Amino acid sequence: MNLKEVAGVLARIQLLDNRAVDRVVVAHWEPLIGHLEFDEAITAVEMHARESTAYLVPAHIIANVDRIRRARTGQGITDCEWHPGYPATDCSKCRGEDRAGREHATSENAPKPDNFNPMSAAYDRPVEFAREVAVYNNQLIAGGFRPVYDIPRSWTA
């Protein structure tokens, strides 16, 4: 990518997290992600926005572009059942989420939340809903399941 395309990637990121972007920032990012293709970088940013609440850094974009390229070349990679885009044989997201070997909770095997009514009542109040999800996560962990995915930090602030 050239500087203008790097600025375009940063503009997309800025829309997601309101970070300040100026010429200095663009100049700093160019040697870090400039070797990538513009379309792949944009797709990688979108992947990150869908999958993570972490503050986006160049390493996230590079890792996601690597996933995009591996998927495109069809290197015999089968996706993880619970994390599309991650290899089933060595899903880093699974390893990172749960080192205790707990089973993923699915609609078929997960218990109904003990706090179902309060959780349902809080559906339109993100902070209260996040609290109720945290209670349900504790229930899942106690039952030997993995907790549900991370709650966006903006919901708990």
C-alpha atoms as a PDB file:
ATOM      1  CA  MET A   1       0.000   0.000   0.000  1.00  0.00           C
ATOM      2  CA  ASN A   2       1.051   3.568  -0.470  1.00  0.00           C
ATOM      3  CA  LEU A   3       0.581   6.321   2.137  1.00  0.00           C
ATOM      4  CA  LYS A   4      -2.830   7.264   0.754  1.00  0.00           C
ATOM      5  CA  GLU A   5      -4.074   3.677   1.103  1.00  0.00           C
ATOM      6  CA  VAL A   6      -2.621   3.364   4.615  1.00  0.00           C
ATOM      7  CA  ALA A   7      -4.493   6.580   5.449  1.00  0.00           C
ATOM      8  CA  GLY A   8      -7.648   4.935   4.079  1.00  0.00           C
ATOM      9  CA  VAL A   9      -7.185   1.922   6.344  1.00  0.00           C
ATOM     10  CA  LEU A  10      -6.636   4.221   9.321  1.00  0.00           C
ATOM     11  CA  ALA A  11      -9.734   6.225   8.371  1.00  0.00           C
ATOM     12  CA  ARG A  12     -11.762   2.995   8.554  1.00  0.00           C
ATOM     13  CA  ILE A  13     -10.213   2.211  11.942  1.00  0.00           C
ATOM     14  CA  GLN A  14     -10.934   5.764  13.114  1.00  0.00           C
ATOM     15  CA  LEU A  15     -14.621   5.231  12.361  1.00  0.00           C
ATOM     16  CA  LEU A  16     -14.568   2.187  14.624  1.00  0.00           C
ATOM     17  CA  ASP A  17     -12.752   3.511  17.672  1.00  0.00           C
ATOM     18  CA  ASN A  18     -12.511   7.304  17.295  1.00  0.00           C
ATOM     19  CA  ARG A  19      -8.716   7.309  17.440  1.00  0.00           C
ATOM     20  CA  ALA A  20      -6.861  10.431  16.356  1.00  0.00           C
ATOM     21  CA  VAL A  21      -5.281  10.011  12.934  1.00  0.00           C
ATOM     22  CA  ASP A  22      -2.924  12.548  11.427  1.00  0.00           C
ATOM     23  CA  ARG A  23       0.099  12.526   9.108  1.00  0.00           C
ATOM     24  CA  VAL A  24       2.401  11.355  11.884  1.00  0.00           C
ATOM     25  CA  VAL A  25       0.168   8.357  12.648  1.00  0.00           C
ATOM     26  CA  VAL A  26      -0.082   7.455   8.952  1.00  0.00           C
ATOM     27  CA  ALA A  27       3.701   7.723   8.596  1.00  0.00           C
ATOM     28  CA  HIS A  28       4.157   5.471  11.638  1.00  0.00           C
ATOM     29  CA  TRP A  29       1.760   2.780  10.362  1.00  0.00           C
ATOM     30  CA  GLU A  30       3.040   2.734   6.762  1.00  0.00           C
ATOM     31  CA  PRO A  31       6.178   0.649   7.430  1.00  0.00           C
ATOM     32  CA  LEU A  32       4.140  -1.688   9.638  1.00  0.00           C
ATOM     33  CA  ILE A  33       1.266  -2.500   7.263  1.00  0.00           C
ATOM     34  CA  GLY A  34       2.398  -0.962   3.967  1.00  0.00           C
ATOM     35  CA  HIS A  35       3.452  -4.357   2.606  1.00  0.00           C
ATOM     36  CA  LEU A  36      -0.174  -5.568   2.689  1.00  0.00           C
ATOM     37  CA  GLU A  37      -2.771  -5.213  -0.042  1.00  0.00           C
ATOM     38  CA  PHE A  38      -5.340  -2.478   0.641  1.00  0.00           C
ATOM     39  CA  ASP A  39      -8.407  -4.723   0.185  1.00  0.00           C
ATOM     40  CA  GLU A  40      -6.965  -7.383   2.473  1.00  0.00           C
ATOM     41  CA  ALA A  41      -6.135  -4.795   5.140  1.00  0.00           C
ATOM     42  CA  ILE A  42      -9.679  -3.401   5.063  1.00  0.00           C
ATOM     43  CA  THR A  43     -11.120  -6.907   5.333  1.00  0.00           C
ATOM     44  CA  ALA A  44      -8.741  -7.630   8.226  1.00  0.00           C
ATOM     45  CA  VAL A  45      -9.930  -4.491  10.047  1.00  0.00           C
ATOM     46  CA  GLU A  46     -13.546  -5.565   9.557  1.00  0.00           C
ATOM     47  CA  MET A  47     -12.736  -9.066  10.830  1.00  0.00           C
ATOM     48  CA  HIS A  48     -11.177  -7.591  13.952  1.00  0.00           C
ATOM     49  CA  ALA A  49     -14.189  -5.342  14.538  1.00  0.00           C
ATOM     50  CA  ARG A  50     -16.520  -8.347  14.332  1.00  0.00           C
ATOM     51  CA  GLU A  51     -14.419 -10.668  16.475  1.00  0.00           C
ATOM     52  CA  SER A  52     -12.661  -8.636  19.140  1.00  0.00           C
ATOM     53  CA  THR A  53     -13.072  -5.818  21.605  1.00  0.00           C
ATOM     54  CA  ALA A  54      -9.297  -5.306  21.826  1.00  0.00           C
ATOM     55  CA  TYR A  55      -7.759  -2.014  20.699  1.00  0.00           C
ATOM     56  CA  LEU A  56      -6.691  -2.571  17.097  1.00  0.00           C
ATOM     57  CA  VAL A  57      -2.934  -2.536  16.456  1.00  0.00           C
ATOM     58  CA  PRO A  58      -0.942  -3.402  13.304  1.00  0.00           C
ATOM     59  CA  ALA A  59      -0.275  -6.953  14.538  1.00  0.00           C
ATOM     60  CA  HIS A  60      -4.029  -7.667  14.485  1.00  0.00           C
ATOM     61  CA  ILE A  61      -4.259  -6.591  10.854  1.00  0.00           C
ATOM     62  CA  ILE A  62      -1.223  -8.635   9.851  1.00  0.00           C
ATOM     63  CA  ALA A  63      -2.565 -11.754  11.615  1.00  0.00           C
ATOM     64  CA  ASN A  64      -5.973 -11.389   9.992  1.00  0.00           C
ATOM     65  CA  VAL A  65      -4.447 -10.886   6.537  1.00  0.00           C
ATOM     66  CA  ASP A  66      -2.508 -14.101   7.137  1.00  0.00           C
ATOM     67  CA  ARG A  67      -5.812 -15.857   7.933  1.00  0.00           C
ATOM     68  CA  ILE A  68      -7.371 -14.401   4.779  1.00  0.00           C
ATOM     69  CA  ARG A  69      -4.481 -15.598   2.628  1.00  0.00           C
ATOM     70  CA  ARG A  70      -4.441 -19.083   4.159  1.00  0.00           C
ATOM     71  CA  ALA A  71      -8.176 -19.416   3.568  1.00  0.00           C
ATOM     72  CA  ARG A  72      -7.820 -18.198  -0.022  1.00  0.00           C
ATOM     73  CA  THR A  73      -5.051 -20.644  -0.848  1.00  0.00           C
ATOM     74  CA  GLY A  74      -7.037 -23.491   0.688  1.00  0.00           C
ATOM     75  CA  GLN A  75      -4.133 -25.016   2.541  1.00  0.00           C
ATOM     76  CA  GLY A  76      -6.399 -27.786   3.724  1.00  0.00           C
ATOM     77  CA  ILE A  77      -7.429 -25.742   6.728  1.00  0.00           C
ATOM     78  CA  THR A  78     -10.693 -26.743   8.326  1.00  0.00           C
ATOM     79  CA  ASP A  79     -12.255 -23.985  10.408  1.00  0.00           C
ATOM     80  CA  CYS A  80     -12.868 -24.399  14.097  1.00  0.00           C
ATOM     81  CA  GLU A  81     -16.492 -25.286  14.692  1.00  0.00           C
ATOM     82  CA  TRP A  82     -16.940 -22.333  17.064  1.00  0.00           C
ATOM     83  CA  HIS A  83     -14.504 -19.788  15.570  1.00  0.00           C
ATOM     84  CA  PRO A  84     -14.756 -19.500  11.757  1.00  0.00           C
ATOM     85  CA  GLY A  85     -11.441 -18.481  10.233  1.00  0.00           C
ATOM     86  CA  TYR A  86      -9.397 -20.239  12.921  1.00  0.00           C
ATOM     87  CA  PRO A  87      -7.937 -23.685  12.147  1.00  0.00           C
ATOM     88  CA  ALA A  88      -9.788 -26.560  13.789  1.00  0.00           C
ATOM     89  CA  THR A  89      -6.617 -28.472  14.608  1.00  0.00           C
ATOM     90  CA  ASP A  90      -5.040 -25.610  16.553  1.00  0.00           C
ATOM     91  CA  CYS A  91      -7.578 -22.902  17.315  1.00  0.00           C
ATOM     92  CA  SER A  92      -5.677 -20.202  19.154  1.00  0.00           C
ATOM     93  CA  LYS A  93      -8.949 -18.584  20.136  1.00  0.00           C
ATOM     94  CA  CYS A  94     -10.086 -21.816  21.834  1.00  0.00           C
ATOM     95  CA  ARG A  95      -6.737 -22.180  23.591  1.00  0.00           C
ATOM     96  CA  GLY A  96      -6.832 -18.581  24.724  1.00  0.00           C
ATOM     97  CA  GLU A  97     -10.389 -18.699  25.952  1.00  0.00           C
ATOM     98  CA  ASP A  98     -10.198 -21.808  28.010  1.00  0.00           C
ATOM     99  CA  ARG A  99      -7.214 -23.733  29.203  1.00  0.00           C
ATOM    100  CA  ALA A 100      -9.274 -25.866  31.576  1.00  0.00           C
ATOM    101  CA  GLY A 101     -10.713 -27.945  28.738  1.00  0.00           C
ATOM    102  CA  ARG A 102     -14.303 -26.907  29.279  1.00  0.00           C
ATOM    103  CA  GLU A 103     -16.826 -27.697  26.602  1.00  0.00           C
ATOM    104  CA  HIS A 104     -18.312 -24.937  24.457  1.00  0.00           C
ATOM    105  CA  ALA A 105     -21.838 -24.107  25.527  1.00  0.00           C
ATOM    106  CA  THR A 106     -24.250 -24.546  22.637  1.00  0.00           C
ATOM    107  CA  SER A 107     -27.998 -24.165  22.321  1.00  0.00           C
ATOM    108  CA  GLU A 108     -28.265 -27.949  22.606  1.00  0.00           C
ATOM    109  CA  ASN A 109     -26.267 -28.475  25.793  1.00  0.00           C
ATOM    110  CA  ALA A 110     -26.057 -25.208  27.738  1.00  0.00           C
ATOM    111  CA  PRO A 111     -28.312 -24.751  30.742  1.00  0.00           C
ATOM    112  CA  LYS A 112     -30.938 -22.042  30.671  1.00  0.00           C
ATOM    113  CA  PRO A 113     -29.689 -19.028  32.628  1.00  0.00           C
ATOM    114  CA  ASP A 114     -30.824 -19.099  36.241  1.00  0.00           C
ATOM    115  CA  ASN A 115     -31.187 -15.333  35.798  1.00  0.00           C
ATOM    116  CA  PHE A 116     -33.155 -15.612  32.549  1.00  0.00           C
ATOM    117  CA  ASN A 117     -35.912 -13.180  33.580  1.00  0.00           C
ATOM    118  CA  PRO A 118     -33.576 -10.394  34.784  1.00  0.00           C
ATOM    119  CA  MET A 119     -31.381 -10.921  31.717  1.00  0.00           C
ATOM    120  CA  SER A 120     -34.383 -10.671  29.396  1.00  0.00           C
ATOM    121  CA  ALA A 121     -35.671  -7.591  31.178  1.00  0.00           C
ATOM    122  CA  ALA A 122     -32.298  -5.861  30.704  1.00  0.00           C
ATOM    123  CA  TYR A 123     -32.017  -6.480  26.939  1.00  0.00           C
ATOM    124  CA  ASP A 124     -32.251  -2.763  26.103  1.00  0.00           C
ATOM    125  CA  ARG A 125     -29.969  -1.554  28.927  1.00  0.00           C
ATOM    126  CA  PRO A 126     -26.441  -2.623  27.951  1.00  0.00           C
ATOM    127  CA  VAL A 127     -24.757  -2.137  31.340  1.00  0.00           C
ATOM    128  CA  GLU A 128     -27.413  -4.118  33.213  1.00  0.00           C
ATOM    129  CA  PHE A 129     -27.470  -6.760  30.477  1.00  0.00           C
ATOM    130  CA  ALA A 130     -23.678  -7.124  30.714  1.00  0.00           C
ATOM    131  CA  ARG A 131     -23.997  -7.674  34.468  1.00  0.00           C
ATOM    132  CA  GLU A 132     -26.582 -10.395  33.906  1.00  0.00           C
ATOM    133  CA  VAL A 133     -24.379 -12.050  31.263  1.00  0.00           C
ATOM    134  CA  ALA A 134     -21.536 -12.053  33.803  1.00  0.00           C
ATOM    135  CA  VAL A 135     -23.824 -13.870  36.258  1.00  0.00           C
ATOM    136  CA  TYR A 136     -24.671 -16.398  33.526  1.00  0.00           C
ATOM    137  CA  ASN A 137     -20.969 -16.820  32.725  1.00  0.00           C
ATOM    138  CA  ASN A 138     -20.382 -17.809  36.356  1.00  0.00           C
ATOM    139  CA  GLN A 139     -23.212 -20.337  36.060  1.00  0.00           C
ATOM    140  CA  LEU A 140     -21.676 -21.778  32.879  1.00  0.00           C
ATOM    141  CA  ILE A 141     -18.203 -22.030  34.430  1.00  0.00           C
ATOM    142  CA  ALA A 142     -19.641 -23.750  37.533  1.00  0.00           C
ATOM    143  CA  GLY A 143     -21.382 -26.208  35.209  1.00  0.00           C
ATOM    144  CA  GLY A 144     -18.163 -27.047  33.378  1.00  0.00           C
ATOM    145  CA  PHE A 145     -18.826 -24.935  30.269  1.00  0.00           C
ATOM    146  CA  ARG A 146     -16.878 -22.139  28.689  1.00  0.00           C
ATOM    147  CA  PRO A 147     -18.293 -18.679  29.321  1.00  0.00           C
ATOM    148  CA  VAL A 148     -20.002 -16.795  26.510  1.00  0.00           C
ATOM    149  CA  TYR A 149     -17.885 -14.448  24.457  1.00  0.00           C
ATOM    150  CA  ASP A 150     -16.444 -11.262  25.903  1.00  0.00           C
ATOM    151  CA  ILE A 151     -18.818  -8.406  26.533  1.00  0.00           C
ATOM    152  CA  PRO A 152     -17.779  -5.133  24.858  1.00  0.00           C
ATOM    153  CA  ARG A 153     -16.102  -2.878  27.420  1.00  0.00           C
ATOM    154  CA  SER A 154     -18.367   0.010  26.375  1.00  0.00           C
ATOM    155  CA  TRP A 155     -21.301  -1.944  27.818  1.00  0.00           C
ATOM    156  CA  THR A 156     -19.748  -2.221  31.264  1.00  0.00           C
ATOM    157  CA  ALA A 157     -18.379   1.307  31.614  1.00  0.00           C
END
